[in-house]
């Protein structure tokens, strides 16, 4: 009898041990929902710059603040234009007149203009030139207005060289031979490369800088 009881107790203990060994583990609590195993984009990684469409009619392929000069180089007059990629610009014109000396202006006379404006309707003509339309240009003072400062007379003028409607922007790689002879006379390297007929036949000669051509009078502005 005792042997039977011992066997029963042994079986009962064995069953309890087996039950403990096979008891399922407690479920693992999910991680904090605010924390994700999926890594987000690397904010330090450079993103691709947007592609600018220079054929959209809205953007000029120059850096903002590119400055162009129109001058003969042999006198005291010049016109400067600071152009932005959206077509807006501002500038100034100045021309000294030594004959304007009198008792009220012993330091002479300047014809001047501070102006601003905008080019629109930008269209790509080829790999190195774009056409532009002058939407408007306006001066700070009306032409002809006079005033004197520190013994110098000033006479308001128009924005010399900014006239008409149609202009062309040339990129630095533009072959000089594919522009215009009158326009090129305003280029500082014109006489270095032109022949006895005033022509540049060497197609390897490029402008080497951005330039704006006034199609009405073939004036040239250059960003040296």
C-alpha atoms as a PDB file:
ATOM      1  CA  UNK A   1       0.000   0.000   0.000  1.00  0.00           C
ATOM      2  CA  UNK A   2       2.744   2.373   1.003  1.00  0.00           C
ATOM      3  CA  UNK A   3       4.511   1.547  -2.221  1.00  0.00           C
ATOM      4  CA  UNK A   4       1.400   2.467  -4.204  1.00  0.00           C
ATOM      5  CA  UNK A   5       1.020   5.803  -2.396  1.00  0.00           C
ATOM      6  CA  UNK A   6       4.691   6.632  -3.067  1.00  0.00           C
ATOM      7  CA  UNK A   7       4.251   5.909  -6.742  1.00  0.00           C
ATOM      8  CA  UNK A   8       1.155   8.149  -6.885  1.00  0.00           C
ATOM      9  CA  UNK A   9       3.003  11.026  -5.180  1.00  0.00           C
ATOM     10  CA  UNK A  10       5.963  10.618  -7.535  1.00  0.00           C
ATOM     11  CA  UNK A  11       3.673  10.782 -10.580  1.00  0.00           C
ATOM     12  CA  UNK A  12       1.920  13.862  -9.197  1.00  0.00           C
ATOM     13  CA  UNK A  13       5.220  15.685  -8.636  1.00  0.00           C
ATOM     14  CA  UNK A  14       6.387  14.745 -12.128  1.00  0.00           C
ATOM     15  CA  UNK A  15       3.201  16.157 -13.642  1.00  0.00           C
ATOM     16  CA  UNK A  16       3.631  19.432 -11.731  1.00  0.00           C
ATOM     17  CA  UNK A  17       7.214  19.817 -12.883  1.00  0.00           C
ATOM     18  CA  UNK A  18       6.193  19.179 -16.517  1.00  0.00           C
ATOM     19  CA  UNK A  19       3.409  21.754 -16.282  1.00  0.00           C
ATOM     20  CA  UNK A  20       5.834  24.417 -15.001  1.00  0.00           C
ATOM     21  CA  UNK A  21       8.330  23.648 -17.725  1.00  0.00           C
ATOM     22  CA  UNK A  22       5.762  24.030 -20.503  1.00  0.00           C
ATOM     23  CA  UNK A  23       3.971  27.167 -19.149  1.00  0.00           C
ATOM     24  CA  UNK A  24       3.959  29.831 -21.907  1.00  0.00           C
ATOM     25  CA  UNK A  25       6.071  32.928 -21.365  1.00  0.00           C
ATOM     26  CA  UNK A  26       4.331  36.204 -20.642  1.00  0.00           C
ATOM     27  CA  UNK A  27       3.730  38.224 -23.836  1.00  0.00           C
ATOM     28  CA  UNK A  28       6.317  40.839 -24.588  1.00  0.00           C
ATOM     29  CA  UNK A  29       4.935  44.353 -24.255  1.00  0.00           C
ATOM     30  CA  UNK A  30       5.185  46.362 -27.473  1.00  0.00           C
ATOM     31  CA  UNK A  31       7.760  49.105 -27.594  1.00  0.00           C
ATOM     32  CA  UNK A  32       6.829  52.674 -26.921  1.00  0.00           C
ATOM     33  CA  UNK A  33       4.828  53.719 -29.998  1.00  0.00           C
ATOM     34  CA  UNK A  34       6.816  56.936 -30.062  1.00  0.00           C
ATOM     35  CA  UNK A  35       9.940  54.915 -30.792  1.00  0.00           C
ATOM     36  CA  UNK A  36      10.261  53.253 -34.200  1.00  0.00           C
ATOM     37  CA  UNK A  37      12.774  50.683 -35.363  1.00  0.00           C
ATOM     38  CA  UNK A  38      12.546  52.204 -38.832  1.00  0.00           C
ATOM     39  CA  UNK A  39      15.182  54.870 -39.270  1.00  0.00           C
ATOM     40  CA  UNK A  40      14.039  58.140 -40.814  1.00  0.00           C
ATOM     41  CA  UNK A  41      15.882  59.898 -43.603  1.00  0.00           C
ATOM     42  CA  UNK A  42      19.380  61.028 -42.819  1.00  0.00           C
ATOM     43  CA  UNK A  43      19.007  64.770 -42.375  1.00  0.00           C
ATOM     44  CA  UNK A  44      22.731  65.221 -42.886  1.00  0.00           C
ATOM     45  CA  UNK A  45      22.538  63.718 -46.356  1.00  0.00           C
ATOM     46  CA  UNK A  46      22.517  66.381 -49.081  1.00  0.00           C
ATOM     47  CA  UNK A  47      19.397  66.505 -51.189  1.00  0.00           C
ATOM     48  CA  UNK A  48      19.423  67.084 -54.904  1.00  0.00           C
ATOM     49  CA  UNK A  49      19.010  70.721 -55.869  1.00  0.00           C
ATOM     50  CA  UNK A  50      15.881  71.477 -57.896  1.00  0.00           C
ATOM     51  CA  UNK A  51      16.380  71.666 -61.627  1.00  0.00           C
ATOM     52  CA  UNK A  52      15.860  75.179 -62.911  1.00  0.00           C
ATOM     53  CA  UNK A  53      14.010  75.516 -66.183  1.00  0.00           C
ATOM     54  CA  UNK A  54      15.635  78.384 -68.055  1.00  0.00           C
ATOM     55  CA  UNK A  55      13.164  77.912 -70.903  1.00  0.00           C
ATOM     56  CA  UNK A  56      10.132  78.688 -68.745  1.00  0.00           C
ATOM     57  CA  UNK A  57      10.187  82.392 -69.537  1.00  0.00           C
ATOM     58  CA  UNK A  58      10.662  83.272 -65.880  1.00  0.00           C
ATOM     59  CA  UNK A  59      14.322  82.697 -65.041  1.00  0.00           C
ATOM     60  CA  UNK A  60      17.536  84.140 -66.469  1.00  0.00           C
ATOM     61  CA  UNK A  61      20.620  81.860 -66.198  1.00  0.00           C
ATOM     62  CA  UNK A  62      22.750  84.279 -64.154  1.00  0.00           C
ATOM     63  CA  UNK A  63      23.453  84.527 -60.444  1.00  0.00           C
ATOM     64  CA  UNK A  64      21.542  87.175 -58.548  1.00  0.00           C
ATOM     65  CA  UNK A  65      23.501  90.421 -58.387  1.00  0.00           C
ATOM     66  CA  UNK A  66      25.524  89.912 -61.586  1.00  0.00           C
ATOM     67  CA  UNK A  67      26.789  93.358 -62.615  1.00  0.00           C
ATOM     68  CA  UNK A  68      27.097  94.449 -66.239  1.00  0.00           C
ATOM     69  CA  UNK A  69      28.855  97.553 -67.605  1.00  0.00           C
ATOM     70  CA  UNK A  70      28.218  99.590 -70.735  1.00  0.00           C
ATOM     71  CA  UNK A  71      30.987 102.105 -71.465  1.00  0.00           C
ATOM     72  CA  UNK A  72      33.297 103.146 -74.272  1.00  0.00           C
ATOM     73  CA  UNK A  73      36.282 102.916 -71.949  1.00  0.00           C
ATOM     74  CA  UNK A  74      37.644 106.159 -73.414  1.00  0.00           C
ATOM     75  CA  UNK A  75      35.481 108.671 -71.557  1.00  0.00           C
ATOM     76  CA  UNK A  76      33.974 109.354 -68.160  1.00  0.00           C
ATOM     77  CA  UNK A  77      30.517 107.944 -68.871  1.00  0.00           C
ATOM     78  CA  UNK A  78      29.174 104.517 -67.989  1.00  0.00           C
ATOM     79  CA  UNK A  79      25.954 102.621 -67.317  1.00  0.00           C
ATOM     80  CA  UNK A  80      25.933  99.752 -64.833  1.00  0.00           C
ATOM     81  CA  UNK A  81      23.158  97.181 -64.468  1.00  0.00           C
ATOM     82  CA  UNK A  82      22.841  94.704 -61.591  1.00  0.00           C
ATOM     83  CA  UNK A  83      20.741  91.799 -62.890  1.00  0.00           C
ATOM     84  CA  UNK A  84      18.908  89.072 -60.946  1.00  0.00           C
ATOM     85  CA  UNK A  85      17.793  85.667 -62.161  1.00  0.00           C
ATOM     86  CA  UNK A  86      14.117  86.660 -61.971  1.00  0.00           C
ATOM     87  CA  UNK A  87      14.764  89.363 -64.588  1.00  0.00           C
ATOM     88  CA  UNK A  88      14.635  92.319 -62.223  1.00  0.00           C
ATOM     89  CA  UNK A  89      17.496  94.810 -62.318  1.00  0.00           C
ATOM     90  CA  UNK A  90      18.659  98.148 -60.989  1.00  0.00           C
ATOM     91  CA  UNK A  91      21.440 100.406 -62.108  1.00  0.00           C
ATOM     92  CA  UNK A  92      22.925 103.816 -62.597  1.00  0.00           C
ATOM     93  CA  UNK A  93      24.171 106.033 -65.376  1.00  0.00           C
ATOM     94  CA  UNK A  94      26.786 108.775 -64.976  1.00  0.00           C
ATOM     95  CA  UNK A  95      28.482 111.146 -67.415  1.00  0.00           C
ATOM     96  CA  UNK A  96      30.745 114.046 -66.437  1.00  0.00           C
ATOM     97  CA  UNK A  97      30.504 117.302 -68.403  1.00  0.00           C
ATOM     98  CA  UNK A  98      33.529 119.522 -67.771  1.00  0.00           C
ATOM     99  CA  UNK A  99      31.934 122.323 -69.750  1.00  0.00           C
ATOM    100  CA  UNK A 100      29.268 122.648 -67.084  1.00  0.00           C
ATOM    101  CA  UNK A 101      31.548 124.649 -64.772  1.00  0.00           C
ATOM    102  CA  UNK A 102      30.143 128.008 -63.645  1.00  0.00           C
ATOM    103  CA  UNK A 103      30.007 130.097 -60.491  1.00  0.00           C
ATOM    104  CA  UNK A 104      27.261 127.933 -59.022  1.00  0.00           C
ATOM    105  CA  UNK A 105      28.880 124.641 -59.949  1.00  0.00           C
ATOM    106  CA  UNK A 106      32.679 125.080 -59.886  1.00  0.00           C
ATOM    107  CA  UNK A 107      33.137 121.304 -59.695  1.00  0.00           C
ATOM    108  CA  UNK A 108      31.440 120.687 -63.032  1.00  0.00           C
ATOM    109  CA  UNK A 109      28.279 118.931 -64.095  1.00  0.00           C
ATOM    110  CA  UNK A 110      27.120 115.305 -64.083  1.00  0.00           C
ATOM    111  CA  UNK A 111      24.305 113.741 -66.056  1.00  0.00           C
ATOM    112  CA  UNK A 112      23.005 110.942 -63.837  1.00  0.00           C
ATOM    113  CA  UNK A 113      20.229 108.377 -63.562  1.00  0.00           C
ATOM    114  CA  UNK A 114      19.280 105.852 -60.890  1.00  0.00           C
ATOM    115  CA  UNK A 115      16.890 103.335 -62.380  1.00  0.00           C
ATOM    116  CA  UNK A 116      15.221  99.960 -62.012  1.00  0.00           C
ATOM    117  CA  UNK A 117      13.311  97.647 -64.320  1.00  0.00           C
ATOM    118  CA  UNK A 118      12.636  94.073 -65.370  1.00  0.00           C
ATOM    119  CA  UNK A 119      13.188  91.677 -68.274  1.00  0.00           C
ATOM    120  CA  UNK A 120      10.526  89.070 -69.015  1.00  0.00           C
ATOM    121  CA  UNK A 121       9.621  86.524 -71.704  1.00  0.00           C
ATOM    122  CA  UNK A 122      13.000  84.787 -71.495  1.00  0.00           C
ATOM    123  CA  UNK A 123      13.427  82.261 -74.330  1.00  0.00           C
ATOM    124  CA  UNK A 124      16.358  79.992 -75.107  1.00  0.00           C
ATOM    125  CA  UNK A 125      17.697  80.641 -78.607  1.00  0.00           C
ATOM    126  CA  UNK A 126      20.545  78.114 -78.566  1.00  0.00           C
ATOM    127  CA  UNK A 127      23.065  76.636 -76.134  1.00  0.00           C
ATOM    128  CA  UNK A 128      24.581  80.019 -75.321  1.00  0.00           C
ATOM    129  CA  UNK A 129      21.995  82.771 -75.845  1.00  0.00           C
ATOM    130  CA  UNK A 130      18.555  83.807 -74.583  1.00  0.00           C
ATOM    131  CA  UNK A 131      16.152  86.459 -75.825  1.00  0.00           C
ATOM    132  CA  UNK A 132      14.544  88.845 -73.315  1.00  0.00           C
ATOM    133  CA  UNK A 133      11.861  91.509 -73.488  1.00  0.00           C
ATOM    134  CA  UNK A 134      12.163  94.734 -71.516  1.00  0.00           C
ATOM    135  CA  UNK A 135       8.934  94.928 -69.516  1.00  0.00           C
ATOM    136  CA  UNK A 136       9.718  98.352 -68.052  1.00  0.00           C
ATOM    137  CA  UNK A 137      12.477 100.692 -66.892  1.00  0.00           C
ATOM    138  CA  UNK A 138      11.915 103.709 -64.691  1.00  0.00           C
ATOM    139  CA  UNK A 139      14.256 106.387 -63.349  1.00  0.00           C
ATOM    140  CA  UNK A 140      14.219 107.872 -59.875  1.00  0.00           C
ATOM    141  CA  UNK A 141      14.034 111.434 -61.221  1.00  0.00           C
ATOM    142  CA  UNK A 142      12.491 112.727 -64.459  1.00  0.00           C
ATOM    143  CA  UNK A 143      14.981 113.530 -67.212  1.00  0.00           C
ATOM    144  CA  UNK A 144      16.005 117.184 -67.174  1.00  0.00           C
ATOM    145  CA  UNK A 145      15.594 117.841 -63.463  1.00  0.00           C
ATOM    146  CA  UNK A 146      18.582 119.811 -62.072  1.00  0.00           C
ATOM    147  CA  UNK A 147      20.069 120.278 -58.611  1.00  0.00           C
ATOM    148  CA  UNK A 148      23.385 121.332 -57.065  1.00  0.00           C
ATOM    149  CA  UNK A 149      25.286 119.555 -54.290  1.00  0.00           C
ATOM    150  CA  UNK A 150      28.646 120.674 -52.870  1.00  0.00           C
ATOM    151  CA  UNK A 151      29.445 122.820 -55.870  1.00  0.00           C
ATOM    152  CA  UNK A 152      28.527 120.139 -58.415  1.00  0.00           C
ATOM    153  CA  UNK A 153      25.557 120.400 -60.759  1.00  0.00           C
ATOM    154  CA  UNK A 154      23.523 117.257 -61.457  1.00  0.00           C
ATOM    155  CA  UNK A 155      21.093 116.825 -64.333  1.00  0.00           C
ATOM    156  CA  UNK A 156      18.757 113.806 -64.348  1.00  0.00           C
ATOM    157  CA  UNK A 157      18.993 111.677 -67.483  1.00  0.00           C
ATOM    158  CA  UNK A 158      17.498 108.512 -68.964  1.00  0.00           C
ATOM    159  CA  UNK A 159      18.945 105.038 -68.392  1.00  0.00           C
ATOM    160  CA  UNK A 160      21.479 105.221 -71.229  1.00  0.00           C
ATOM    161  CA  UNK A 161      21.624 101.954 -73.186  1.00  0.00           C
ATOM    162  CA  UNK A 162      18.335 100.574 -71.834  1.00  0.00           C
ATOM    163  CA  UNK A 163      16.027 101.376 -74.733  1.00  0.00           C
ATOM    164  CA  UNK A 164      13.707  99.506 -77.076  1.00  0.00           C
ATOM    165  CA  UNK A 165      12.135  96.190 -76.153  1.00  0.00           C
ATOM    166  CA  UNK A 166      14.260  93.279 -77.356  1.00  0.00           C
ATOM    167  CA  UNK A 167      17.531  92.161 -75.779  1.00  0.00           C
ATOM    168  CA  UNK A 168      19.764  89.087 -75.924  1.00  0.00           C
ATOM    169  CA  UNK A 169      21.685  87.566 -73.030  1.00  0.00           C
ATOM    170  CA  UNK A 170      24.907  85.822 -74.101  1.00  0.00           C
ATOM    171  CA  UNK A 171      26.648  83.215 -71.943  1.00  0.00           C
ATOM    172  CA  UNK A 172      30.456  83.299 -71.533  1.00  0.00           C
ATOM    173  CA  UNK A 173      30.962  80.458 -74.053  1.00  0.00           C
ATOM    174  CA  UNK A 174      29.281  82.411 -76.852  1.00  0.00           C
ATOM    175  CA  UNK A 175      31.464  82.490 -80.006  1.00  0.00           C
ATOM    176  CA  UNK A 176      32.204  86.152 -80.732  1.00  0.00           C
ATOM    177  CA  UNK A 177      31.885  85.482 -84.452  1.00  0.00           C
ATOM    178  CA  UNK A 178      28.211  84.564 -84.013  1.00  0.00           C
ATOM    179  CA  UNK A 179      27.147  87.871 -82.453  1.00  0.00           C
ATOM    180  CA  UNK A 180      27.158  91.302 -84.102  1.00  0.00           C
ATOM    181  CA  UNK A 181      30.040  93.553 -85.193  1.00  0.00           C
ATOM    182  CA  UNK A 182      28.477  96.748 -83.818  1.00  0.00           C
ATOM    183  CA  UNK A 183      27.741  95.021 -80.527  1.00  0.00           C
ATOM    184  CA  UNK A 184      31.315  93.723 -80.316  1.00  0.00           C
ATOM    185  CA  UNK A 185      32.815  97.236 -80.537  1.00  0.00           C
ATOM    186  CA  UNK A 186      31.676  97.653 -76.908  1.00  0.00           C
ATOM    187  CA  UNK A 187      33.557  94.489 -75.895  1.00  0.00           C
ATOM    188  CA  UNK A 188      36.959  95.207 -74.344  1.00  0.00           C
ATOM    189  CA  UNK A 189      38.682  92.408 -76.322  1.00  0.00           C
ATOM    190  CA  UNK A 190      37.244  93.415 -79.693  1.00  0.00           C
ATOM    191  CA  UNK A 191      40.369  95.056 -81.099  1.00  0.00           C
ATOM    192  CA  UNK A 192      42.539  92.203 -79.870  1.00  0.00           C
ATOM    193  CA  UNK A 193      40.739  89.643 -82.016  1.00  0.00           C
ATOM    194  CA  UNK A 194      39.229  91.606 -84.919  1.00  0.00           C
ATOM    195  CA  UNK A 195      40.974  91.733 -88.302  1.00  0.00           C
ATOM    196  CA  UNK A 196      41.583  94.733 -90.582  1.00  0.00           C
ATOM    197  CA  UNK A 197      37.947  94.543 -91.711  1.00  0.00           C
ATOM    198  CA  UNK A 198      36.709  94.704 -88.132  1.00  0.00           C
ATOM    199  CA  UNK A 199      35.530  91.088 -88.205  1.00  0.00           C
ATOM    200  CA  UNK A 200      36.258  88.154 -85.914  1.00  0.00           C
ATOM    201  CA  UNK A 201      36.417  85.041 -88.068  1.00  0.00           C
ATOM    202  CA  UNK A 202      38.056  82.713 -85.525  1.00  0.00           C
ATOM    203  CA  UNK A 203      35.170  80.626 -84.147  1.00  0.00           C
ATOM    204  CA  UNK A 204      37.242  79.551 -81.137  1.00  0.00           C
ATOM    205  CA  UNK A 205      37.183  83.104 -79.727  1.00  0.00           C
ATOM    206  CA  UNK A 206      34.442  83.388 -77.107  1.00  0.00           C
ATOM    207  CA  UNK A 207      33.155  86.359 -75.139  1.00  0.00           C
ATOM    208  CA  UNK A 208      34.486  84.884 -71.903  1.00  0.00           C
ATOM    209  CA  UNK A 209      31.825  86.660 -69.839  1.00  0.00           C
ATOM    210  CA  UNK A 210      28.088  87.218 -69.639  1.00  0.00           C
ATOM    211  CA  UNK A 211      26.839  89.976 -71.932  1.00  0.00           C
ATOM    212  CA  UNK A 212      23.589  91.765 -72.768  1.00  0.00           C
ATOM    213  CA  UNK A 213      22.933  93.096 -76.258  1.00  0.00           C
ATOM    214  CA  UNK A 214      20.408  95.847 -76.915  1.00  0.00           C
ATOM    215  CA  UNK A 215      18.939  94.808 -80.265  1.00  0.00           C
ATOM    216  CA  UNK A 216      17.591  98.284 -81.006  1.00  0.00           C
ATOM    217  CA  UNK A 217      20.991 100.000 -81.030  1.00  0.00           C
ATOM    218  CA  UNK A 218      23.392  97.030 -80.631  1.00  0.00           C
ATOM    219  CA  UNK A 219      24.769  98.471 -77.394  1.00  0.00           C
ATOM    220  CA  UNK A 220      26.678  95.949 -75.278  1.00  0.00           C
ATOM    221  CA  UNK A 221      26.704  95.395 -71.509  1.00  0.00           C
ATOM    222  CA  UNK A 222      29.424  93.065 -70.213  1.00  0.00           C
ATOM    223  CA  UNK A 223      29.901  91.358 -66.832  1.00  0.00           C
ATOM    224  CA  UNK A 224      33.701  91.501 -66.587  1.00  0.00           C
END
